[in-house]
Structure formats: structure tokens, C-alpha cells
Amino acid sequence: MNKLFAVLAPLFVASTVMAAPEAEAAAEAAVAAGPMVPGLAAGLAVLGAGLGIGRIGGTACEATARQPEVKGQIFTNMLLTAALIEGVAFAAVILVG
């Protein structure tokens, strides 16, 4: 194990030294994009929730078409699942914002 470390340590040090200017440029870009990041994160959270709830609704419609006698149970499960997804989306927007 020590031999492996002795071989890999110089490679790691050399790669970090060579990447220093790129890391500095990336840090400056992250600071410049700082105000946009929370908005993008909130948008992605809402987008994911919307897609998930849409899929739940579509699947519930298909299930009701196949078995109309259990439409009450399907609707209840759909509503509960959609509410849980919406709760996670609200939490993400509140935590990000």
C-alpha cells in the first residue's frame, strides 16, 4: 500500500499544480454565476415535480380505464402521491430561496 501511495502521490501533486489556473478561473465563474444558482435549482425542483405529478395523473387515468371499479382507490393513491411530491418541491423551493 505504501508503494502505491509513493507512486500515486507525485502524480496527484503534479495534476493539482497544473490545474491551479483552471481551478481559479472556475472559482471566479462560480462567484459570477452565484445569483443565478438558486433560481436554477428552484426551477429544476419545480420542473421535476411537475413531470412527476403529470406522470402520476396519466398513469392513474390508464389504471382507471383498465379497472373502473377501483377508481376511488386509484384516485386516493394518486392524490396522496401527488401531495407528497408537491411537498418535496415546496421544501426545495423554500430551502433554495
PDB file of N, CA and C in Angstrom:
ATOM      1  N   MET A   1       0.822  -1.192   0.000  1.00  0.00           N
ATOM      2  CA  MET A   1       0.000   0.000   0.000  1.00  0.00           C
ATOM      3  C   MET A   1       0.866   1.255   0.000  1.00  0.00           C
ATOM      4  N   ASN A   2       1.948   1.232   0.768  1.00  0.00           N
ATOM      5  CA  ASN A   2       2.828   2.395   0.814  1.00  0.00           C
ATOM      6  C   ASN A   2       3.510   2.630  -0.525  1.00  0.00           C
ATOM      7  N   LYS A   3       3.814   1.536  -1.246  1.00  0.00           N
ATOM      8  CA  LYS A   3       4.439   1.690  -2.560  1.00  0.00           C
ATOM      9  C   LYS A   3       3.457   2.342  -3.536  1.00  0.00           C
ATOM     10  N   LEU A   4       2.211   1.932  -3.447  1.00  0.00           N
ATOM     11  CA  LEU A   4       1.196   2.521  -4.310  1.00  0.00           C
ATOM     12  C   LEU A   4       1.047   4.013  -4.015  1.00  0.00           C
ATOM     13  N   PHE A   5       1.043   4.360  -2.740  1.00  0.00           N
ATOM     14  CA  PHE A   5       0.948   5.767  -2.358  1.00  0.00           C
ATOM     15  C   PHE A   5       2.165   6.543  -2.851  1.00  0.00           C
ATOM     16  N   ALA A   6       3.334   5.931  -2.757  1.00  0.00           N
ATOM     17  CA  ALA A   6       4.560   6.598  -3.197  1.00  0.00           C
ATOM     18  C   ALA A   6       4.542   6.850  -4.703  1.00  0.00           C
ATOM     19  N   VAL A   7       3.871   5.991  -5.445  1.00  0.00           N
ATOM     20  CA  VAL A   7       3.800   6.172  -6.892  1.00  0.00           C
ATOM     21  C   VAL A   7       2.720   7.192  -7.263  1.00  0.00           C
ATOM     22  N   LEU A   8       1.578   7.125  -6.586  1.00  0.00           N
ATOM     23  CA  LEU A   8       0.454   7.979  -6.959  1.00  0.00           C
ATOM     24  C   LEU A   8       0.531   9.394  -6.388  1.00  0.00           C
ATOM     25  N   ALA A   9       1.197   9.589  -5.273  1.00  0.00           N
ATOM     26  CA  ALA A   9       1.258  10.910  -4.647  1.00  0.00           C
ATOM     27  C   ALA A   9       1.890  11.958  -5.560  1.00  0.00           C
ATOM     28  N   PRO A  10       3.035  11.685  -6.197  1.00  0.00           N
ATOM     29  CA  PRO A  10       3.593  12.712  -7.094  1.00  0.00           C
ATOM     30  C   PRO A  10       2.676  13.029  -8.279  1.00  0.00           C
ATOM     31  N   LEU A  11       1.964  12.029  -8.766  1.00  0.00           N
ATOM     32  CA  LEU A  11       1.038  12.282  -9.870  1.00  0.00           C
ATOM     33  C   LEU A  11      -0.096  13.196  -9.431  1.00  0.00           C
ATOM     34  N   PHE A  12      -0.596  12.970  -8.230  1.00  0.00           N
ATOM     35  CA  PHE A  12      -1.675  13.801  -7.710  1.00  0.00           C
ATOM     36  C   PHE A  12      -1.206  15.238  -7.508  1.00  0.00           C
ATOM     37  N   VAL A  13      -0.027  15.394  -6.938  1.00  0.00           N
ATOM     38  CA  VAL A  13       0.508  16.734  -6.700  1.00  0.00           C
ATOM     39  C   VAL A  13       0.735  17.453  -8.026  1.00  0.00           C
ATOM     40  N   ALA A  14       1.277  16.745  -9.006  1.00  0.00           N
ATOM     41  CA  ALA A  14       1.523  17.367 -10.309  1.00  0.00           C
ATOM     42  C   ALA A  14       0.212  17.774 -10.976  1.00  0.00           C
ATOM     43  N   SER A  15      -0.807  16.947 -10.858  1.00  0.00           N
ATOM     44  CA  SER A  15      -2.080  17.288 -11.501  1.00  0.00           C
ATOM     45  C   SER A  15      -2.743  18.475 -10.823  1.00  0.00           C
ATOM     46  N   THR A  16      -2.613  18.593  -9.507  1.00  0.00           N
ATOM     47  CA  THR A  16      -3.218  19.741  -8.828  1.00  0.00           C
ATOM     48  C   THR A  16      -2.458  21.025  -9.126  1.00  0.00           C
ATOM     49  N   VAL A  17      -1.154  20.940  -9.287  1.00  0.00           N
ATOM     50  CA  VAL A  17      -0.374  22.131  -9.614  1.00  0.00           C
ATOM     51  C   VAL A  17      -0.706  22.604 -11.026  1.00  0.00           C
ATOM     52  N   MET A  18      -0.851  21.664 -11.953  1.00  0.00           N
ATOM     53  CA  MET A  18      -1.160  22.041 -13.329  1.00  0.00           C
ATOM     54  C   MET A  18      -2.591  22.556 -13.461  1.00  0.00           C
ATOM     55  N   ALA A  19      -3.492  22.123 -12.591  1.00  0.00           N
ATOM     56  CA  ALA A  19      -4.890  22.525 -12.685  1.00  0.00           C
ATOM     57  C   ALA A  19      -5.194  23.791 -11.893  1.00  0.00           C
ATOM     58  N   ALA A  20      -4.215  24.365 -11.220  1.00  0.00           N
ATOM     59  CA  ALA A  20      -4.455  25.536 -10.380  1.00  0.00           C
ATOM     60  C   ALA A  20      -5.039  26.717 -11.153  1.00  0.00           C
ATOM     61  N   PRO A  21      -4.506  27.085 -12.329  1.00  0.00           N
ATOM     62  CA  PRO A  21      -5.119  28.215 -13.050  1.00  0.00           C
ATOM     63  C   PRO A  21      -6.558  27.926 -13.476  1.00  0.00           C
ATOM     64  N   GLU A  22      -6.835  26.688 -13.870  1.00  0.00           N
ATOM     65  CA  GLU A  22      -8.195  26.336 -14.266  1.00  0.00           C
ATOM     66  C   GLU A  22      -9.139  26.383 -13.071  1.00  0.00           C
ATOM     67  N   ALA A  23      -8.662  25.944 -11.916  1.00  0.00           N
ATOM     68  CA  ALA A  23      -9.492  25.971 -10.716  1.00  0.00           C
ATOM     69  C   ALA A  23      -9.795  27.404 -10.304  1.00  0.00           C
ATOM     70  N   GLU A  24      -8.824  28.280 -10.466  1.00  0.00           N
ATOM     71  CA  GLU A  24      -9.043  29.685 -10.120  1.00  0.00           C
ATOM     72  C   GLU A  24     -10.076  30.314 -11.050  1.00  0.00           C
ATOM     73  N   ALA A  25     -10.003  29.987 -12.328  1.00  0.00           N
ATOM     74  CA  ALA A  25     -10.981  30.510 -13.289  1.00  0.00           C
ATOM     75  C   ALA A  25     -12.373  29.955 -12.998  1.00  0.00           C
ATOM     76  N   ALA A  26     -12.442  28.692 -12.611  1.00  0.00           N
ATOM     77  CA  ALA A  26     -13.735  28.089 -12.280  1.00  0.00           C
ATOM     78  C   ALA A  26     -14.326  28.732 -11.032  1.00  0.00           C
ATOM     79  N   ALA A  27     -13.485  29.047 -10.058  1.00  0.00           N
ATOM     80  CA  ALA A  27     -13.970  29.701  -8.842  1.00  0.00           C
ATOM     81  C   ALA A  27     -14.507  31.093  -9.153  1.00  0.00           C
ATOM     82  N   GLU A  28     -13.822  31.824 -10.032  1.00  0.00           N
ATOM     83  CA  GLU A  28     -14.305  33.153 -10.419  1.00  0.00           C
ATOM     84  C   GLU A  28     -15.639  33.059 -11.162  1.00  0.00           C
ATOM     85  N   ALA A  29     -15.781  32.050 -12.013  1.00  0.00           N
ATOM     86  CA  ALA A  29     -17.042  31.867 -12.744  1.00  0.00           C
ATOM     87  C   ALA A  29     -18.172  31.506 -11.790  1.00  0.00           C
ATOM     88  N   ALA A  30     -17.869  30.706 -10.761  1.00  0.00           N
ATOM     89  CA  ALA A  30     -18.897  30.330  -9.789  1.00  0.00           C
ATOM     90  C   ALA A  30     -19.361  31.543  -8.997  1.00  0.00           C
ATOM     91  N   VAL A  31     -18.445  32.430  -8.659  1.00  0.00           N
ATOM     92  CA  VAL A  31     -18.824  33.646  -7.931  1.00  0.00           C
ATOM     93  C   VAL A  31     -19.667  34.546  -8.823  1.00  0.00           C
ATOM     94  N   ALA A  32     -19.320  34.628 -10.098  1.00  0.00           N
ATOM     95  CA  ALA A  32     -20.077  35.475 -11.019  1.00  0.00           C
ATOM     96  C   ALA A  32     -21.481  34.924 -11.256  1.00  0.00           C
ATOM     97  N   ALA A  33     -21.625  33.601 -11.267  1.00  0.00           N
ATOM     98  CA  ALA A  33     -22.930  32.982 -11.512  1.00  0.00           C
ATOM     99  C   ALA A  33     -23.711  32.785 -10.225  1.00  0.00           C
ATOM    100  N   GLY A  34     -23.194  33.222  -9.108  1.00  0.00           N
ATOM    101  CA  GLY A  34     -23.801  32.999  -7.806  1.00  0.00           C
ATOM    102  C   GLY A  34     -25.276  33.340  -7.705  1.00  0.00           C
ATOM    103  N   PRO A  35     -25.715  34.522  -8.147  1.00  0.00           N
ATOM    104  CA  PRO A  35     -27.131  34.860  -8.004  1.00  0.00           C
ATOM    105  C   PRO A  35     -28.069  33.994  -8.846  1.00  0.00           C
ATOM    106  N   MET A  36     -27.558  33.380  -9.912  1.00  0.00           N
ATOM    107  CA  MET A  36     -28.422  32.577 -10.778  1.00  0.00           C
ATOM    108  C   MET A  36     -28.646  31.173 -10.238  1.00  0.00           C
ATOM    109  N   VAL A  37     -27.750  30.678  -9.421  1.00  0.00           N
ATOM    110  CA  VAL A  37     -27.801  29.281  -8.994  1.00  0.00           C
ATOM    111  C   VAL A  37     -29.069  28.949  -8.209  1.00  0.00           C
ATOM    112  N   PRO A  38     -29.486  29.741  -7.220  1.00  0.00           N
ATOM    113  CA  PRO A  38     -30.724  29.380  -6.511  1.00  0.00           C
ATOM    114  C   PRO A  38     -31.952  29.361  -7.416  1.00  0.00           C
ATOM    115  N   GLY A  39     -32.017  30.286  -8.350  1.00  0.00           N
ATOM    116  CA  GLY A  39     -33.150  30.303  -9.273  1.00  0.00           C
ATOM    117  C   GLY A  39     -33.186  29.071 -10.158  1.00  0.00           C
ATOM    118  N   LEU A  40     -32.024  28.659 -10.634  1.00  0.00           N
ATOM    119  CA  LEU A  40     -31.965  27.449 -11.458  1.00  0.00           C
ATOM    120  C   LEU A  40     -32.328  26.213 -10.647  1.00  0.00           C
ATOM    121  N   ALA A  41     -31.865  26.153  -9.411  1.00  0.00           N
ATOM    122  CA  ALA A  41     -32.180  24.998  -8.563  1.00  0.00           C
ATOM    123  C   ALA A  41     -33.676  24.930  -8.268  1.00  0.00           C
ATOM    124  N   ALA A  42     -34.279  26.066  -7.975  1.00  0.00           N
ATOM    125  CA  ALA A  42     -35.723  26.083  -7.718  1.00  0.00           C
ATOM    126  C   ALA A  42     -36.496  25.699  -8.976  1.00  0.00           C
ATOM    127  N   GLY A  43     -36.042  26.174 -10.122  1.00  0.00           N
ATOM    128  CA  GLY A  43     -36.694  25.820 -11.375  1.00  0.00           C
ATOM    129  C   GLY A  43     -36.623  24.333 -11.668  1.00  0.00           C
ATOM    130  N   LEU A  44     -35.468  23.736 -11.406  1.00  0.00           N
ATOM    131  CA  LEU A  44     -35.337  22.292 -11.619  1.00  0.00           C
ATOM    132  C   LEU A  44     -36.219  21.504 -10.656  1.00  0.00           C
ATOM    133  N   ALA A  45     -36.340  21.977  -9.421  1.00  0.00           N
ATOM    134  CA  ALA A  45     -37.201  21.287  -8.452  1.00  0.00           C
ATOM    135  C   ALA A  45     -38.658  21.322  -8.902  1.00  0.00           C
ATOM    136  N   VAL A  46     -39.105  22.472  -9.358  1.00  0.00           N
ATOM    137  CA  VAL A  46     -40.493  22.604  -9.807  1.00  0.00           C
ATOM    138  C   VAL A  46     -40.721  21.809 -11.093  1.00  0.00           C
ATOM    139  N   LEU A  47     -39.741  21.823 -11.984  1.00  0.00           N
ATOM    140  CA  LEU A  47     -39.857  21.057 -13.223  1.00  0.00           C
ATOM    141  C   LEU A  47     -39.970  19.560 -12.935  1.00  0.00           C
ATOM    142  N   GLY A  48     -39.134  19.067 -12.052  1.00  0.00           N
ATOM    143  CA  GLY A  48     -39.191  17.650 -11.697  1.00  0.00           C
ATOM    144  C   GLY A  48     -40.509  17.271 -11.051  1.00  0.00           C
ATOM    145  N   ALA A  49     -41.002  18.132 -10.175  1.00  0.00           N
ATOM    146  CA  ALA A  49     -42.288  17.850  -9.531  1.00  0.00           C
ATOM    147  C   ALA A  49     -43.418  17.859 -10.547  1.00  0.00           C
ATOM    148  N   GLY A  50     -43.389  18.805 -11.468  1.00  0.00           N
ATOM    149  CA  GLY A  50     -44.430  18.868 -12.494  1.00  0.00           C
ATOM    150  C   GLY A  50     -44.437  17.637 -13.383  1.00  0.00           C
ATOM    151  N   LEU A  51     -43.252  17.195 -13.774  1.00  0.00           N
ATOM    152  CA  LEU A  51     -43.177  15.983 -14.595  1.00  0.00           C
ATOM    153  C   LEU A  51     -43.657  14.758 -13.824  1.00  0.00           C
ATOM    154  N   GLY A  52     -43.285  14.675 -12.558  1.00  0.00           N
ATOM    155  CA  GLY A  52     -43.705  13.533 -11.745  1.00  0.00           C
ATOM    156  C   GLY A  52     -45.206  13.488 -11.532  1.00  0.00           C
ATOM    157  N   ILE A  53     -45.790  14.630 -11.225  1.00  0.00           N
ATOM    158  CA  ILE A  53     -47.236  14.672 -10.995  1.00  0.00           C
ATOM    159  C   ILE A  53     -47.988  14.408 -12.300  1.00  0.00           C
ATOM    160  N   GLY A  54     -47.467  14.904 -13.403  1.00  0.00           N
ATOM    161  CA  GLY A  54     -48.090  14.614 -14.698  1.00  0.00           C
ATOM    162  C   GLY A  54     -48.073  13.132 -15.020  1.00  0.00           C
ATOM    163  N   ARG A  55     -46.962  12.497 -14.705  1.00  0.00           N
ATOM    164  CA  ARG A  55     -46.887  11.053 -14.952  1.00  0.00           C
ATOM    165  C   ARG A  55     -47.837  10.284 -14.041  1.00  0.00           C
ATOM    166  N   ILE A  56     -47.956  10.723 -12.805  1.00  0.00           N
ATOM    167  CA  ILE A  56     -48.887  10.074 -11.879  1.00  0.00           C
ATOM    168  C   ILE A  56     -50.317  10.197 -12.398  1.00  0.00           C
ATOM    169  N   GLY A  57     -50.685  11.397 -12.855  1.00  0.00           N
ATOM    170  CA  GLY A  57     -52.038  11.602 -13.374  1.00  0.00           C
ATOM    171  C   GLY A  57     -52.322  10.747 -14.599  1.00  0.00           C
ATOM    172  N   GLY A  58     -51.363  10.680 -15.506  1.00  0.00           N
ATOM    173  CA  GLY A  58     -51.550   9.866 -16.704  1.00  0.00           C
ATOM    174  C   GLY A  58     -51.687   8.388 -16.385  1.00  0.00           C
ATOM    175  N   THR A  59     -50.859   7.920 -15.473  1.00  0.00           N
ATOM    176  CA  THR A  59     -50.924   6.511 -15.085  1.00  0.00           C
ATOM    177  C   THR A  59     -52.226   6.205 -14.358  1.00  0.00           C
ATOM    178  N   ALA A  60     -52.702   7.148 -13.555  1.00  0.00           N
ATOM    179  CA  ALA A  60     -53.974   6.945 -12.861  1.00  0.00           C
ATOM    180  C   ALA A  60     -55.129   6.875 -13.855  1.00  0.00           C
ATOM    181  N   CYS A  61     -55.082   7.694 -14.895  1.00  0.00           N
ATOM    182  CA  CYS A  61     -56.128   7.632 -15.925  1.00  0.00           C
ATOM    183  C   CYS A  61     -56.110   6.287 -16.640  1.00  0.00           C
ATOM    184  N   GLU A  62     -54.922   5.797 -16.951  1.00  0.00           N
ATOM    185  CA  GLU A  62     -54.816   4.492 -17.598  1.00  0.00           C
ATOM    186  C   GLU A  62     -55.335   3.382 -16.686  1.00  0.00           C
ATOM    187  N   ALA A  63     -54.988   3.468 -15.403  1.00  0.00           N
ATOM    188  CA  ALA A  63     -55.435   2.440 -14.459  1.00  0.00           C
ATOM    189  C   ALA A  63     -56.952   2.474 -14.292  1.00  0.00           C
ATOM    190  N   THR A  64     -57.526   3.667 -14.268  1.00  0.00           N
ATOM    191  CA  THR A  64     -58.978   3.784 -14.142  1.00  0.00           C
ATOM    192  C   THR A  64     -59.675   3.251 -15.392  1.00  0.00           C
ATOM    193  N   ALA A  65     -59.070   3.459 -16.545  1.00  0.00           N
ATOM    194  CA  ALA A  65     -59.660   2.938 -17.779  1.00  0.00           C
ATOM    195  C   ALA A  65     -59.630   1.411 -17.794  1.00  0.00           C
ATOM    196  N   ARG A  66     -58.577   0.839 -17.212  1.00  0.00           N
ATOM    197  CA  ARG A  66     -58.480  -0.621 -17.181  1.00  0.00           C
ATOM    198  C   ARG A  66     -59.394  -1.242 -16.130  1.00  0.00           C
ATOM    199  N   GLN A  67     -59.496  -0.590 -14.968  1.00  0.00           N
ATOM    200  CA  GLN A  67     -60.300  -1.139 -13.869  1.00  0.00           C
ATOM    201  C   GLN A  67     -61.175  -0.042 -13.268  1.00  0.00           C
ATOM    202  N   PRO A  68     -62.288   0.258 -13.884  1.00  0.00           N
ATOM    203  CA  PRO A  68     -63.134   1.348 -13.385  1.00  0.00           C
ATOM    204  C   PRO A  68     -63.741   1.077 -12.012  1.00  0.00           C
ATOM    205  N   GLU A  69     -63.811  -0.168 -11.610  1.00  0.00           N
ATOM    206  CA  GLU A  69     -64.435  -0.478 -10.317  1.00  0.00           C
ATOM    207  C   GLU A  69     -63.575  -0.050  -9.126  1.00  0.00           C
ATOM    208  N   VAL A  70     -62.303   0.219  -9.316  1.00  0.00           N
ATOM    209  CA  VAL A  70     -61.442   0.646  -8.202  1.00  0.00           C
ATOM    210  C   VAL A  70     -60.979   2.097  -8.378  1.00  0.00           C
ATOM    211  N   LYS A  71     -61.806   2.896  -9.054  1.00  0.00           N
ATOM    212  CA  LYS A  71     -61.381   4.273  -9.329  1.00  0.00           C
ATOM    213  C   LYS A  71     -61.217   5.097  -8.056  1.00  0.00           C
ATOM    214  N   GLY A  72     -61.967   4.804  -7.008  1.00  0.00           N
ATOM    215  CA  GLY A  72     -61.825   5.537  -5.750  1.00  0.00           C
ATOM    216  C   GLY A  72     -60.463   5.310  -5.110  1.00  0.00           C
ATOM    217  N   GLN A  73     -60.017   4.063  -5.092  1.00  0.00           N
ATOM    218  CA  GLN A  73     -58.705   3.752  -4.519  1.00  0.00           C
ATOM    219  C   GLN A  73     -57.584   4.345  -5.368  1.00  0.00           C
ATOM    220  N   ILE A  74     -57.746   4.284  -6.678  1.00  0.00           N
ATOM    221  CA  ILE A  74     -56.725   4.841  -7.569  1.00  0.00           C
ATOM    222  C   ILE A  74     -56.618   6.349  -7.361  1.00  0.00           C
ATOM    223  N   PHE A  75     -57.776   7.017  -7.266  1.00  0.00           N
ATOM    224  CA  PHE A  75     -57.772   8.465  -7.071  1.00  0.00           C
ATOM    225  C   PHE A  75     -57.126   8.838  -5.740  1.00  0.00           C
ATOM    226  N   THR A  76     -57.442   8.081  -4.689  1.00  0.00           N
ATOM    227  CA  THR A  76     -56.864   8.366  -3.373  1.00  0.00           C
ATOM    228  C   THR A  76     -55.350   8.207  -3.397  1.00  0.00           C
ATOM    229  N   ASN A  77     -54.883   7.123  -3.990  1.00  0.00           N
ATOM    230  CA  ASN A  77     -53.437   6.900  -4.068  1.00  0.00           C
ATOM    231  C   ASN A  77     -52.757   7.964  -4.927  1.00  0.00           C
ATOM    232  N   MET A  78     -53.414   8.354  -6.020  1.00  0.00           N
ATOM    233  CA  MET A  78     -52.854   9.387  -6.888  1.00  0.00           C
ATOM    234  C   MET A  78     -52.745  10.712  -6.141  1.00  0.00           C
ATOM    235  N   LEU A  79     -53.793  11.076  -5.438  1.00  0.00           N
ATOM    236  CA  LEU A  79     -53.809  12.346  -4.720  1.00  0.00           C
ATOM    237  C   LEU A  79     -52.763  12.377  -3.612  1.00  0.00           C
ATOM    238  N   LEU A  80     -52.634  11.284  -2.884  1.00  0.00           N
ATOM    239  CA  LEU A  80     -51.649  11.210  -1.807  1.00  0.00           C
ATOM    240  C   LEU A  80     -50.229  11.312  -2.355  1.00  0.00           C
ATOM    241  N   THR A  81     -49.951  10.592  -3.420  1.00  0.00           N
ATOM    242  CA  THR A  81     -48.613  10.628  -4.006  1.00  0.00           C
ATOM    243  C   THR A  81     -48.297  12.004  -4.582  1.00  0.00           C
ATOM    244  N   ALA A  82     -49.250  12.614  -5.253  1.00  0.00           N
ATOM    245  CA  ALA A  82     -49.031  13.951  -5.811  1.00  0.00           C
ATOM    246  C   ALA A  82     -48.787  14.969  -4.701  1.00  0.00           C
ATOM    247  N   ALA A  83     -49.501  14.839  -3.591  1.00  0.00           N
ATOM    248  CA  ALA A  83     -49.303  15.762  -2.470  1.00  0.00           C
ATOM    249  C   ALA A  83     -47.910  15.600  -1.867  1.00  0.00           C
ATOM    250  N   LEU A  84     -47.438  14.368  -1.763  1.00  0.00           N
ATOM    251  CA  LEU A  84     -46.091  14.152  -1.230  1.00  0.00           C
ATOM    252  C   LEU A  84     -45.026  14.736  -2.157  1.00  0.00           C
ATOM    253  N   ILE A  85     -45.203  14.564  -3.444  1.00  0.00           N
ATOM    254  CA  ILE A  85     -44.237  15.128  -4.399  1.00  0.00           C
ATOM    255  C   ILE A  85     -44.272  16.653  -4.344  1.00  0.00           C
ATOM    256  N   GLU A  86     -45.462  17.209  -4.260  1.00  0.00           N
ATOM    257  CA  GLU A  86     -45.587  18.667  -4.194  1.00  0.00           C
ATOM    258  C   GLU A  86     -44.958  19.209  -2.912  1.00  0.00           C
ATOM    259  N   GLY A  87     -45.087  18.468  -1.827  1.00  0.00           N
ATOM    260  CA  GLY A  87     -44.451  18.883  -0.573  1.00  0.00           C
ATOM    261  C   GLY A  87     -42.943  18.931  -0.684  1.00  0.00           C
ATOM    262  N   VAL A  88     -42.374  17.956  -1.349  1.00  0.00           N
ATOM    263  CA  VAL A  88     -40.920  17.952  -1.550  1.00  0.00           C
ATOM    264  C   VAL A  88     -40.504  19.124  -2.433  1.00  0.00           C
ATOM    265  N   ALA A  89     -41.299  19.420  -3.450  1.00  0.00           N
ATOM    266  CA  ALA A  89     -40.982  20.556  -4.327  1.00  0.00           C
ATOM    267  C   ALA A  89     -41.056  21.872  -3.554  1.00  0.00           C
ATOM    268  N   PHE A  90     -42.078  22.043  -2.718  1.00  0.00           N
ATOM    269  CA  PHE A  90     -42.172  23.256  -1.903  1.00  0.00           C
ATOM    270  C   PHE A  90     -40.983  23.376  -0.963  1.00  0.00           C
ATOM    271  N   ALA A  91     -40.599  22.269  -0.342  1.00  0.00           N
ATOM    272  CA  ALA A  91     -39.450  22.294   0.568  1.00  0.00           C
ATOM    273  C   ALA A  91     -38.181  22.682  -0.184  1.00  0.00           C
ATOM    274  N   ALA A  92     -38.013  22.165  -1.387  1.00  0.00           N
ATOM    275  CA  ALA A  92     -36.819  22.505  -2.174  1.00  0.00           C
ATOM    276  C   ALA A  92     -36.805  23.986  -2.529  1.00  0.00           C
ATOM    277  N   VAL A  93     -37.945  24.514  -2.924  1.00  0.00           N
ATOM    278  CA  VAL A  93     -38.009  25.937  -3.289  1.00  0.00           C
ATOM    279  C   VAL A  93     -37.759  26.815  -2.071  1.00  0.00           C
ATOM    280  N   ILE A  94     -38.300  26.434  -0.927  1.00  0.00           N
ATOM    281  CA  ILE A  94     -38.107  27.227   0.290  1.00  0.00           C
ATOM    282  C   ILE A  94     -36.654  27.160   0.751  1.00  0.00           C
ATOM    283  N   LEU A  95     -36.050  25.979   0.702  1.00  0.00           N
ATOM    284  CA  LEU A  95     -34.662  25.848   1.136  1.00  0.00           C
ATOM    285  C   LEU A  95     -33.702  26.564   0.198  1.00  0.00           C
ATOM    286  N   VAL A  96     -33.995  26.553  -1.081  1.00  0.00           N
ATOM    287  CA  VAL A  96     -33.115  27.204  -2.053  1.00  0.00           C
ATOM    288  C   VAL A  96     -33.293  28.717  -2.003  1.00  0.00           C
ATOM    289  N   GLY A  97     -34.541  29.143  -1.895  1.00  0.00           N
ATOM    290  CA  GLY A  97     -34.833  30.580  -1.940  1.00  0.00           C
ATOM    291  C   GLY A  97     -34.535  31.228  -0.672  1.00  0.00           C
TER     292      GLY A  97
END
